[in-house]
Amino acid sequence: MRKKLQTLREGAGYTQQTFSERLGVSRSHYAQIESGDKNPSLRLSLKIKQALGYPYDDLFFNPKRPVSRH
């Protein structure tokens, strides 16, 4: 999944630095999202999807992380 995010970002012509600047976050914060170490907020995930022109809801699905059940 995170590979998809990297592939889409690179396909759109962004480096992590230029993409994080577009999103208004630090490069290190964005890098942690892309590597799967952090999950973006809902607002940031929507900004990422919009900036990449990605219309689907599976961009941040990570099958390696267990889904918490309350």
Protein backbone atom coordinates (compact mmCIF):
# COMPACT_ATOMS: atom_id res chain seq x y z
CA MET A 1 0.00 0.00 0.00
CA ARG A 2 2.64 2.54 0.95
CA LYS A 3 4.49 1.61 -2.23
CA LYS A 4 1.34 2.75 -4.05
CA LEU A 5 1.58 6.14 -2.37
CA GLN A 6 5.23 6.48 -3.37
CA THR A 7 4.48 5.38 -6.94
CA LEU A 8 1.62 7.86 -7.29
CA ARG A 9 3.70 10.70 -5.84
CA GLU A 10 6.64 9.99 -8.10
CA GLY A 11 4.32 9.55 -11.10
CA ALA A 12 2.94 13.02 -10.41
CA GLY A 13 6.49 14.40 -10.52
CA TYR A 14 6.94 15.12 -6.81
CA THR A 15 9.82 14.40 -4.51
CA GLN A 16 8.98 13.85 -0.86
CA GLN A 17 10.17 17.41 -0.22
CA THR A 18 8.09 19.10 -2.91
CA PHE A 19 5.02 17.02 -2.08
CA SER A 20 5.25 17.70 1.64
CA GLU A 21 5.57 21.43 0.88
CA ARG A 22 2.43 21.25 -1.24
CA LEU A 23 0.63 19.54 1.64
CA GLY A 24 1.94 21.97 4.26
CA VAL A 25 3.71 19.35 6.39
CA SER A 26 7.36 18.59 7.07
CA ARG A 27 9.17 16.17 4.82
CA SER A 28 9.94 13.92 7.79
CA HIS A 29 6.24 13.76 8.74
CA TYR A 30 5.26 12.90 5.18
CA ALA A 31 8.08 10.31 4.95
CA GLN A 32 6.68 8.59 8.05
CA ILE A 33 3.25 8.43 6.41
CA GLU A 34 4.68 7.04 3.20
CA SER A 35 6.72 4.42 5.08
CA GLY A 36 3.68 3.35 7.10
CA ASP A 37 5.08 4.48 10.46
CA LYS A 38 2.30 7.06 10.88
CA ASN A 39 -1.23 7.40 9.63
CA PRO A 40 -2.35 10.77 8.26
CA SER A 41 -5.23 12.65 9.77
CA LEU A 42 -8.46 12.58 7.81
CA ARG A 43 -7.85 16.13 6.61
CA LEU A 44 -4.32 15.33 5.46
CA SER A 45 -5.37 12.07 3.79
CA LEU A 46 -7.97 14.01 1.79
CA LYS A 47 -5.34 16.60 0.81
CA ILE A 48 -3.02 13.81 -0.33
CA LYS A 49 -5.73 12.13 -2.39
CA GLN A 50 -6.72 15.45 -3.95
CA ALA A 51 -3.13 16.45 -4.74
CA LEU A 52 -2.55 13.10 -6.43
CA GLY A 53 -5.93 13.02 -8.16
CA TYR A 54 -6.61 9.63 -6.55
CA PRO A 55 -10.38 8.96 -6.45
CA TYR A 56 -10.50 5.70 -4.47
CA ASP A 57 -10.67 5.07 -0.72
CA ASP A 58 -7.98 2.39 -0.46
CA LEU A 59 -4.90 4.60 -0.56
CA PHE A 60 -4.16 4.29 3.16
CA PHE A 61 -5.29 0.72 3.71
CA ASN A 62 -2.44 -1.21 5.30
CA PRO A 63 -3.08 -4.96 5.44
CA LYS A 64 -0.02 -5.46 7.69
CA ARG A 65 -1.58 -3.46 10.53
CA PRO A 66 -4.32 -5.13 12.53
CA VAL A 67 -7.64 -3.34 12.53
CA SER A 68 -8.60 -2.42 16.09
CA ARG A 69 -11.99 -3.66 17.12
CA HIS A 70 -13.77 -1.95 20.01
